[in-house]
Amino acid sequence: MPQAKADRSAAAKKAAATRERNQKKAQSQSAGTKAAATRQGKAAGQAAGQARRAAGNVVSATKKVAGAAGEGAKQAGKSASTRSRASDGSRKK
């Protein structure tokens, strides 16, 4: 009888240790999953920020190109106007 009680006690201790290990393992796994989700979320946020900045740079560059093209057209018009006045003046003399 005392042997059976010792066996039961040992089995209970072993089962308790197994339950504790399993619980710690589950907690670690859950924490790892949460950490991975956090990392992925931050990476997604950074990628979105980079995309926004890139889009902003493209818009800014497009505005600069459009502005430069507009300025070029304006200067070409001024040049043509000045040239035509210069040629008209030479014909009048």
PDB file of N, CA and C in Angstrom:
ATOM      1  N   MET A   1       0.802  -1.198   0.000  1.00  0.00           N
ATOM      2  CA  MET A   1       0.000   0.000   0.000  1.00  0.00           C
ATOM      3  C   MET A   1       0.851   1.271   0.000  1.00  0.00           C
ATOM      4  N   PRO A   2       1.878   1.337   0.879  1.00  0.00           N
ATOM      5  CA  PRO A   2       2.696   2.553   0.860  1.00  0.00           C
ATOM      6  C   PRO A   2       3.383   2.760  -0.495  1.00  0.00           C
ATOM      7  N   GLN A   3       3.729   1.672  -1.147  1.00  0.00           N
ATOM      8  CA  GLN A   3       4.366   1.781  -2.473  1.00  0.00           C
ATOM      9  C   GLN A   3       3.402   2.399  -3.471  1.00  0.00           C
ATOM     10  N   ALA A   4       2.150   1.998  -3.423  1.00  0.00           N
ATOM     11  CA  ALA A   4       1.150   2.529  -4.348  1.00  0.00           C
ATOM     12  C   ALA A   4       0.954   4.017  -4.125  1.00  0.00           C
ATOM     13  N   LYS A   5       0.951   4.425  -2.847  1.00  0.00           N
ATOM     14  CA  LYS A   5       0.783   5.849  -2.538  1.00  0.00           C
ATOM     15  C   LYS A   5       1.972   6.649  -3.066  1.00  0.00           C
ATOM     16  N   ALA A   6       3.181   6.128  -2.920  1.00  0.00           N
ATOM     17  CA  ALA A   6       4.386   6.787  -3.420  1.00  0.00           C
ATOM     18  C   ALA A   6       4.338   6.888  -4.939  1.00  0.00           C
ATOM     19  N   ASP A   7       3.852   5.832  -5.584  1.00  0.00           N
ATOM     20  CA  ASP A   7       3.735   5.854  -7.050  1.00  0.00           C
ATOM     21  C   ASP A   7       2.749   6.933  -7.501  1.00  0.00           C
ATOM     22  N   ARG A   8       1.626   7.003  -6.778  1.00  0.00           N
ATOM     23  CA  ARG A   8       0.610   8.013  -7.129  1.00  0.00           C
ATOM     24  C   ARG A   8       1.160   9.419  -6.917  1.00  0.00           C
ATOM     25  N   SER A   9       1.882   9.591  -5.844  1.00  0.00           N
ATOM     26  CA  SER A   9       2.462  10.899  -5.529  1.00  0.00           C
ATOM     27  C   SER A   9       3.479  11.305  -6.605  1.00  0.00           C
ATOM     28  N   ALA A  10       4.314  10.360  -7.009  1.00  0.00           N
ATOM     29  CA  ALA A  10       5.306  10.635  -8.045  1.00  0.00           C
ATOM     30  C   ALA A  10       4.631  10.958  -9.382  1.00  0.00           C
ATOM     31  N   ALA A  11       3.591  10.207  -9.678  1.00  0.00           N
ATOM     32  CA  ALA A  11       2.867  10.443 -10.929  1.00  0.00           C
ATOM     33  C   ALA A  11       2.192  11.814 -10.897  1.00  0.00           C
ATOM     34  N   ALA A  12       1.678  12.214  -9.749  1.00  0.00           N
ATOM     35  CA  ALA A  12       1.024  13.526  -9.626  1.00  0.00           C
ATOM     36  C   ALA A  12       2.040  14.642  -9.811  1.00  0.00           C
ATOM     37  N   LYS A  13       3.232  14.471  -9.209  1.00  0.00           N
ATOM     38  CA  LYS A  13       4.280  15.485  -9.364  1.00  0.00           C
ATOM     39  C   LYS A  13       4.720  15.594 -10.826  1.00  0.00           C
ATOM     40  N   LYS A  14       4.858  14.428 -11.453  1.00  0.00           N
ATOM     41  CA  LYS A  14       5.260  14.413 -12.860  1.00  0.00           C
ATOM     42  C   LYS A  14       4.202  15.099 -13.726  1.00  0.00           C
ATOM     43  N   ALA A  15       2.941  14.824 -13.448  1.00  0.00           N
ATOM     44  CA  ALA A  15       1.850  15.434 -14.207  1.00  0.00           C
ATOM     45  C   ALA A  15       1.816  16.941 -13.987  1.00  0.00           C
ATOM     46  N   ALA A  16       2.065  17.380 -12.757  1.00  0.00           N
ATOM     47  CA  ALA A  16       2.073  18.812 -12.457  1.00  0.00           C
ATOM     48  C   ALA A  16       3.209  19.505 -13.211  1.00  0.00           C
ATOM     49  N   ALA A  17       4.378  18.865 -13.240  1.00  0.00           N
ATOM     50  CA  ALA A  17       5.516  19.433 -13.958  1.00  0.00           C
ATOM     51  C   ALA A  17       5.217  19.522 -15.456  1.00  0.00           C
ATOM     52  N   THR A  18       4.564  18.478 -15.987  1.00  0.00           N
ATOM     53  CA  THR A  18       4.212  18.471 -17.407  1.00  0.00           C
ATOM     54  C   THR A  18       3.214  19.590 -17.719  1.00  0.00           C
ATOM     55  N   ARG A  19       2.207  19.746 -16.837  1.00  0.00           N
ATOM     56  CA  ARG A  19       1.226  20.816 -17.038  1.00  0.00           C
ATOM     57  C   ARG A  19       1.895  22.194 -17.016  1.00  0.00           C
ATOM     58  N   GLU A  20       2.831  22.370 -16.092  1.00  0.00           N
ATOM     59  CA  GLU A  20       3.539  23.652 -15.986  1.00  0.00           C
ATOM     60  C   GLU A  20       4.370  23.922 -17.243  1.00  0.00           C
ATOM     61  N   ARG A  21       5.068  22.882 -17.725  1.00  0.00           N
ATOM     62  CA  ARG A  21       5.856  23.040 -18.960  1.00  0.00           C
ATOM     63  C   ARG A  21       4.962  23.406 -20.140  1.00  0.00           C
ATOM     64  N   ASN A  22       3.840  22.688 -20.237  1.00  0.00           N
ATOM     65  CA  ASN A  22       2.912  22.948 -21.345  1.00  0.00           C
ATOM     66  C   ASN A  22       2.340  24.368 -21.272  1.00  0.00           C
ATOM     67  N   GLN A  23       2.046  24.822 -20.047  1.00  0.00           N
ATOM     68  CA  GLN A  23       1.499  26.166 -19.881  1.00  0.00           C
ATOM     69  C   GLN A  23       2.536  27.220 -20.294  1.00  0.00           C
ATOM     70  N   LYS A  24       3.778  27.038 -19.850  1.00  0.00           N
ATOM     71  CA  LYS A  24       4.843  27.975 -20.213  1.00  0.00           C
ATOM     72  C   LYS A  24       5.057  27.977 -21.727  1.00  0.00           C
ATOM     73  N   LYS A  25       5.012  26.804 -22.315  1.00  0.00           N
ATOM     74  CA  LYS A  25       5.195  26.695 -23.767  1.00  0.00           C
ATOM     75  C   LYS A  25       4.089  27.452 -24.505  1.00  0.00           C
ATOM     76  N   ALA A  26       2.851  27.291 -24.042  1.00  0.00           N
ATOM     77  CA  ALA A  26       1.723  27.971 -24.670  1.00  0.00           C
ATOM     78  C   ALA A  26       1.850  29.483 -24.521  1.00  0.00           C
ATOM     79  N   GLN A  27       2.280  29.943 -23.336  1.00  0.00           N
ATOM     80  CA  GLN A  27       2.462  31.374 -23.127  1.00  0.00           C
ATOM     81  C   GLN A  27       3.556  31.932 -24.029  1.00  0.00           C
ATOM     82  N   SER A  28       4.652  31.196 -24.139  1.00  0.00           N
ATOM     83  CA  SER A  28       5.752  31.638 -24.992  1.00  0.00           C
ATOM     84  C   SER A  28       5.326  31.698 -26.451  1.00  0.00           C
ATOM     85  N   GLN A  29       4.575  30.694 -26.857  1.00  0.00           N
ATOM     86  CA  GLN A  29       4.112  30.649 -28.241  1.00  0.00           C
ATOM     87  C   GLN A  29       3.186  31.827 -28.522  1.00  0.00           C
ATOM     88  N   SER A  30       2.296  32.107 -27.582  1.00  0.00           N
ATOM     89  CA  SER A  30       1.365  33.225 -27.729  1.00  0.00           C
ATOM     90  C   SER A  30       2.137  34.547 -27.786  1.00  0.00           C
ATOM     91  N   ALA A  31       3.124  34.700 -26.905  1.00  0.00           N
ATOM     92  CA  ALA A  31       3.926  35.926 -26.893  1.00  0.00           C
ATOM     93  C   ALA A  31       4.692  36.071 -28.200  1.00  0.00           C
ATOM     94  N   GLY A  32       5.219  34.961 -28.709  1.00  0.00           N
ATOM     95  CA  GLY A  32       5.947  35.006 -29.975  1.00  0.00           C
ATOM     96  C   GLY A  32       5.043  35.407 -31.128  1.00  0.00           C
ATOM     97  N   THR A  33       3.822  34.900 -31.115  1.00  0.00           N
ATOM     98  CA  THR A  33       2.870  35.243 -32.171  1.00  0.00           C
ATOM     99  C   THR A  33       2.519  36.723 -32.102  1.00  0.00           C
ATOM    100  N   LYS A  34       2.301  37.224 -30.879  1.00  0.00           N
ATOM    101  CA  LYS A  34       1.983  38.647 -30.717  1.00  0.00           C
ATOM    102  C   LYS A  34       3.158  39.514 -31.153  1.00  0.00           C
ATOM    103  N   ALA A  35       4.372  39.091 -30.802  1.00  0.00           N
ATOM    104  CA  ALA A  35       5.559  39.854 -31.189  1.00  0.00           C
ATOM    105  C   ALA A  35       5.700  39.876 -32.709  1.00  0.00           C
ATOM    106  N   ALA A  36       5.451  38.753 -33.341  1.00  0.00           N
ATOM    107  CA  ALA A  36       5.533  38.698 -34.804  1.00  0.00           C
ATOM    108  C   ALA A  36       4.488  39.612 -35.431  1.00  0.00           C
ATOM    109  N   ALA A  37       3.290  39.615 -34.874  1.00  0.00           N
ATOM    110  CA  ALA A  37       2.236  40.481 -35.395  1.00  0.00           C
ATOM    111  C   ALA A  37       2.627  41.943 -35.238  1.00  0.00           C
ATOM    112  N   THR A  38       3.239  42.276 -34.116  1.00  0.00           N
ATOM    113  CA  THR A  38       3.689  43.653 -33.895  1.00  0.00           C
ATOM    114  C   THR A  38       4.756  44.038 -34.906  1.00  0.00           C
ATOM    115  N   ARG A  39       5.725  43.147 -35.112  1.00  0.00           N
ATOM    116  CA  ARG A  39       6.784  43.425 -36.091  1.00  0.00           C
ATOM    117  C   ARG A  39       6.199  43.626 -37.474  1.00  0.00           C
ATOM    118  N   GLN A  40       5.293  42.746 -37.854  1.00  0.00           N
ATOM    119  CA  GLN A  40       4.690  42.839 -39.180  1.00  0.00           C
ATOM    120  C   GLN A  40       3.882  44.121 -39.328  1.00  0.00           C
ATOM    121  N   GLY A  41       3.167  44.495 -38.271  1.00  0.00           N
ATOM    122  CA  GLY A  41       2.378  45.729 -38.311  1.00  0.00           C
ATOM    123  C   GLY A  41       3.261  46.949 -38.457  1.00  0.00           C
ATOM    124  N   LYS A  42       4.363  46.969 -37.722  1.00  0.00           N
ATOM    125  CA  LYS A  42       5.292  48.097 -37.828  1.00  0.00           C
ATOM    126  C   LYS A  42       5.923  48.152 -39.214  1.00  0.00           C
ATOM    127  N   ALA A  43       6.279  47.000 -39.743  1.00  0.00           N
ATOM    128  CA  ALA A  43       6.869  46.956 -41.083  1.00  0.00           C
ATOM    129  C   ALA A  43       5.870  47.459 -42.127  1.00  0.00           C
ATOM    130  N   ALA A  44       4.607  47.069 -41.958  1.00  0.00           N
ATOM    131  CA  ALA A  44       3.573  47.536 -42.888  1.00  0.00           C
ATOM    132  C   ALA A  44       3.406  49.047 -42.789  1.00  0.00           C
ATOM    133  N   GLY A  45       3.449  49.569 -41.573  1.00  0.00           N
ATOM    134  CA  GLY A  45       3.339  51.015 -41.379  1.00  0.00           C
ATOM    135  C   GLY A  45       4.498  51.755 -42.013  1.00  0.00           C
ATOM    136  N   GLN A  46       5.694  51.210 -41.858  1.00  0.00           N
ATOM    137  CA  GLN A  46       6.863  51.836 -42.467  1.00  0.00           C
ATOM    138  C   GLN A  46       6.776  51.796 -43.988  1.00  0.00           C
ATOM    139  N   ALA A  47       6.321  50.679 -44.522  1.00  0.00           N
ATOM    140  CA  ALA A  47       6.182  50.568 -45.971  1.00  0.00           C
ATOM    141  C   ALA A  47       5.152  51.561 -46.487  1.00  0.00           C
ATOM    142  N   ALA A  48       4.063  51.719 -45.757  1.00  0.00           N
ATOM    143  CA  ALA A  48       3.037  52.675 -46.165  1.00  0.00           C
ATOM    144  C   ALA A  48       3.586  54.089 -46.117  1.00  0.00           C
ATOM    145  N   GLY A  49       4.368  54.392 -45.089  1.00  0.00           N
ATOM    146  CA  GLY A  49       4.990  55.718 -44.991  1.00  0.00           C
ATOM    147  C   GLY A  49       5.933  55.978 -46.147  1.00  0.00           C
ATOM    148  N   GLN A  50       6.723  54.973 -46.492  1.00  0.00           N
ATOM    149  CA  GLN A  50       7.636  55.126 -47.621  1.00  0.00           C
ATOM    150  C   GLN A  50       6.864  55.338 -48.915  1.00  0.00           C
ATOM    151  N   ALA A  51       5.770  54.622 -49.065  1.00  0.00           N
ATOM    152  CA  ALA A  51       4.956  54.779 -50.271  1.00  0.00           C
ATOM    153  C   ALA A  51       4.370  56.181 -50.337  1.00  0.00           C
ATOM    154  N   ARG A  52       3.899  56.689 -49.189  1.00  0.00           N
ATOM    155  CA  ARG A  52       3.345  58.047 -49.165  1.00  0.00           C
ATOM    156  C   ARG A  52       4.422  59.071 -49.511  1.00  0.00           C
ATOM    157  N   ARG A  53       5.616  58.895 -48.929  1.00  0.00           N
ATOM    158  CA  ARG A  53       6.699  59.836 -49.222  1.00  0.00           C
ATOM    159  C   ARG A  53       7.087  59.767 -50.694  1.00  0.00           C
ATOM    160  N   ALA A  54       7.154  58.549 -51.227  1.00  0.00           N
ATOM    161  CA  ALA A  54       7.504  58.397 -52.642  1.00  0.00           C
ATOM    162  C   ALA A  54       6.447  59.039 -53.523  1.00  0.00           C
ATOM    163  N   ALA A  55       5.191  58.837 -53.178  1.00  0.00           N
ATOM    164  CA  ALA A  55       4.113  59.444 -53.956  1.00  0.00           C
ATOM    165  C   ALA A  55       4.194  60.965 -53.861  1.00  0.00           C
ATOM    166  N   GLY A  56       4.494  61.456 -52.668  1.00  0.00           N
ATOM    167  CA  GLY A  56       4.646  62.906 -52.497  1.00  0.00           C
ATOM    168  C   GLY A  56       5.794  63.432 -53.325  1.00  0.00           C
ATOM    169  N   ASN A  57       6.888  62.681 -53.354  1.00  0.00           N
ATOM    170  CA  ASN A  57       8.035  63.107 -54.163  1.00  0.00           C
ATOM    171  C   ASN A  57       7.682  63.101 -55.641  1.00  0.00           C
ATOM    172  N   VAL A  58       6.902  62.120 -56.065  1.00  0.00           N
ATOM    173  CA  VAL A  58       6.500  62.057 -57.474  1.00  0.00           C
ATOM    174  C   VAL A  58       5.619  63.245 -57.806  1.00  0.00           C
ATOM    175  N   VAL A  59       4.680  63.556 -56.923  1.00  0.00           N
ATOM    176  CA  VAL A  59       3.795  64.705 -57.153  1.00  0.00           C
ATOM    177  C   VAL A  59       4.618  65.979 -57.179  1.00  0.00           C
ATOM    178  N   SER A  60       5.531  66.093 -56.227  1.00  0.00           N
ATOM    179  CA  SER A  60       6.384  67.282 -56.171  1.00  0.00           C
ATOM    180  C   SER A  60       7.224  67.394 -57.446  1.00  0.00           C
ATOM    181  N   ALA A  61       7.810  66.276 -57.875  1.00  0.00           N
ATOM    182  CA  ALA A  61       8.627  66.291 -59.091  1.00  0.00           C
ATOM    183  C   ALA A  61       7.771  66.628 -60.308  1.00  0.00           C
ATOM    184  N   THR A  62       6.555  66.090 -60.343  1.00  0.00           N
ATOM    185  CA  THR A  62       5.661  66.382 -61.456  1.00  0.00           C
ATOM    186  C   THR A  62       5.332  67.864 -61.488  1.00  0.00           C
ATOM    187  N   LYS A  63       5.084  68.449 -60.319  1.00  0.00           N
ATOM    188  CA  LYS A  63       4.799  69.884 -60.254  1.00  0.00           C
ATOM    189  C   LYS A  63       6.002  70.681 -60.742  1.00  0.00           C
ATOM    190  N   LYS A  64       7.191  70.259 -60.329  1.00  0.00           N
ATOM    191  CA  LYS A  64       8.401  70.968 -60.761  1.00  0.00           C
ATOM    192  C   LYS A  64       8.564  70.874 -62.267  1.00  0.00           C
ATOM    193  N   VAL A  65       8.325  69.685 -62.814  1.00  0.00           N
ATOM    194  CA  VAL A  65       8.449  69.507 -64.264  1.00  0.00           C
ATOM    195  C   VAL A  65       7.417  70.366 -64.973  1.00  0.00           C
ATOM    196  N   ALA A  66       6.186  70.346 -64.467  1.00  0.00           N
ATOM    197  CA  ALA A  66       5.138  71.152 -65.096  1.00  0.00           C
ATOM    198  C   ALA A  66       5.474  72.629 -64.994  1.00  0.00           C
ATOM    199  N   GLY A  67       5.972  73.035 -63.850  1.00  0.00           N
ATOM    200  CA  GLY A  67       6.356  74.438 -63.671  1.00  0.00           C
ATOM    201  C   GLY A  67       7.487  74.821 -64.600  1.00  0.00           C
ATOM    202  N   ALA A  68       8.473  73.942 -64.719  1.00  0.00           N
ATOM    203  CA  ALA A  68       9.596  74.222 -65.611  1.00  0.00           C
ATOM    204  C   ALA A  68       9.126  74.289 -67.062  1.00  0.00           C
ATOM    205  N   ALA A  69       8.216  73.384 -67.425  1.00  0.00           N
ATOM    206  CA  ALA A  69       7.693  73.399 -68.798  1.00  0.00           C
ATOM    207  C   ALA A  69       6.917  74.684 -69.048  1.00  0.00           C
ATOM    208  N   GLY A  70       6.119  75.077 -68.057  1.00  0.00           N
ATOM    209  CA  GLY A  70       5.362  76.322 -68.191  1.00  0.00           C
ATOM    210  C   GLY A  70       6.282  77.522 -68.299  1.00  0.00           C
ATOM    211  N   GLU A  71       7.316  77.541 -67.478  1.00  0.00           N
ATOM    212  CA  GLU A  71       8.284  78.642 -67.531  1.00  0.00           C
ATOM    213  C   GLU A  71       9.002  78.658 -68.883  1.00  0.00           C
ATOM    214  N   GLY A  72       9.336  77.481 -69.380  1.00  0.00           N
ATOM    215  CA  GLY A  72       9.984  77.406 -70.698  1.00  0.00           C
ATOM    216  C   GLY A  72       9.074  77.942 -71.799  1.00  0.00           C
ATOM    217  N   ALA A  73       7.799  77.580 -71.737  1.00  0.00           N
ATOM    218  CA  ALA A  73       6.849  78.069 -72.738  1.00  0.00           C
ATOM    219  C   ALA A  73       6.701  79.579 -72.630  1.00  0.00           C
ATOM    220  N   LYS A  74       6.653  80.086 -71.420  1.00  0.00           N
ATOM    221  CA  LYS A  74       6.528  81.532 -71.211  1.00  0.00           C
ATOM    222  C   LYS A  74       7.741  82.263 -71.788  1.00  0.00           C
ATOM    223  N   GLN A  75       8.918  81.744 -71.494  1.00  0.00           N
ATOM    224  CA  GLN A  75      10.141  82.370 -71.994  1.00  0.00           C
ATOM    225  C   GLN A  75      10.206  82.283 -73.519  1.00  0.00           C
ATOM    226  N   ALA A  76       9.759  81.168 -74.084  1.00  0.00           N
ATOM    227  CA  ALA A  76       9.752  81.036 -75.544  1.00  0.00           C
ATOM    228  C   ALA A  76       8.807  82.053 -76.163  1.00  0.00           C
ATOM    229  N   GLY A  77       7.654  82.246 -75.517  1.00  0.00           N
ATOM    230  CA  GLY A  77       6.709  83.256 -76.013  1.00  0.00           C
ATOM    231  C   GLY A  77       7.290  84.644 -75.931  1.00  0.00           C
ATOM    232  N   LYS A  78       7.958  84.956 -74.848  1.00  0.00           N
ATOM    233  CA  LYS A  78       8.587  86.274 -74.710  1.00  0.00           C
ATOM    234  C   LYS A  78       9.658  86.468 -75.775  1.00  0.00           C
ATOM    235  N   SER A  79      10.417  85.412 -75.995  1.00  0.00           N
ATOM    236  CA  SER A  79      11.480  85.487 -76.997  1.00  0.00           C
ATOM    237  C   SER A  79      10.895  85.735 -78.380  1.00  0.00           C
ATOM    238  N   ALA A  80       9.845  85.007 -78.704  1.00  0.00           N
ATOM    239  CA  ALA A  80       9.224  85.180 -80.024  1.00  0.00           C
ATOM    240  C   ALA A  80       8.647  86.573 -80.159  1.00  0.00           C
ATOM    241  N   SER A  81       8.035  87.062 -79.096  1.00  0.00           N
ATOM    242  CA  SER A  81       7.465  88.404 -79.136  1.00  0.00           C
ATOM    243  C   SER A  81       8.558  89.450 -79.326  1.00  0.00           C
ATOM    244  N   THR A  82       9.623  89.308 -78.567  1.00  0.00           N
ATOM    245  CA  THR A  82      10.735  90.252 -78.683  1.00  0.00           C
ATOM    246  C   THR A  82      11.362  90.178 -80.066  1.00  0.00           C
ATOM    247  N   ARG A  83      11.518  88.971 -80.586  1.00  0.00           N
ATOM    248  CA  ARG A  83      12.126  88.790 -81.901  1.00  0.00           C
ATOM    249  C   ARG A  83      11.248  89.427 -82.982  1.00  0.00           C
ATOM    250  N   SER A  84       9.929  89.252 -82.829  1.00  0.00           N
ATOM    251  CA  SER A  84       9.056  89.824 -83.851  1.00  0.00           C
ATOM    252  C   SER A  84       9.070  91.346 -83.784  1.00  0.00           C
ATOM    253  N   ARG A  85       9.176  91.910 -82.583  1.00  0.00           N
ATOM    254  CA  ARG A  85       9.273  93.367 -82.476  1.00  0.00           C
ATOM    255  C   ARG A  85      10.583  93.871 -83.060  1.00  0.00           C
ATOM    256  N   ALA A  86      11.630  93.103 -82.836  1.00  0.00           N
ATOM    257  CA  ALA A  86      12.932  93.493 -83.358  1.00  0.00           C
ATOM    258  C   ALA A  86      12.912  93.440 -84.880  1.00  0.00           C
ATOM    259  N   SER A  87      12.296  92.444 -85.463  1.00  0.00           N
ATOM    260  CA  SER A  87      12.282  92.350 -86.914  1.00  0.00           C
ATOM    261  C   SER A  87      11.339  93.394 -87.501  1.00  0.00           C
ATOM    262  N   ASP A  88      10.240  93.703 -86.800  1.00  0.00           N
ATOM    263  CA  ASP A  88       9.344  94.753 -87.288  1.00  0.00           C
ATOM    264  C   ASP A  88      10.024  96.105 -87.263  1.00  0.00           C
ATOM    265  N   GLY A  89      10.799  96.345 -86.258  1.00  0.00           N
ATOM    266  CA  GLY A  89      11.505  97.629 -86.149  1.00  0.00           C
ATOM    267  C   GLY A  89      12.530  97.782 -87.247  1.00  0.00           C
ATOM    268  N   SER A  90      13.161  96.699 -87.609  1.00  0.00           N
ATOM    269  CA  SER A  90      14.199  96.807 -88.636  1.00  0.00           C
ATOM    270  C   SER A  90      13.566  97.042 -89.997  1.00  0.00           C
ATOM    271  N   ARG A  91      12.362  96.560 -90.208  1.00  0.00           N
ATOM    272  CA  ARG A  91      11.693  96.758 -91.482  1.00  0.00           C
ATOM    273  C   ARG A  91      11.177  98.195 -91.623  1.00  0.00           C
ATOM    274  N   LYS A  92      10.817  98.821 -90.506  1.00  0.00           N
ATOM    275  CA  LYS A  92      10.278 100.179 -90.559  1.00  0.00           C
ATOM    276  C   LYS A  92      11.356 101.166 -90.907  1.00  0.00           C
ATOM    277  N   LYS A  93      12.580 100.891 -90.546  1.00  0.00           N
ATOM    278  CA  LYS A  93      13.663 101.835 -90.823  1.00  0.00           C
ATOM    279  C   LYS A  93      14.110 101.671 -92.203  1.00  0.00           C
TER     280      LYS A  93
END
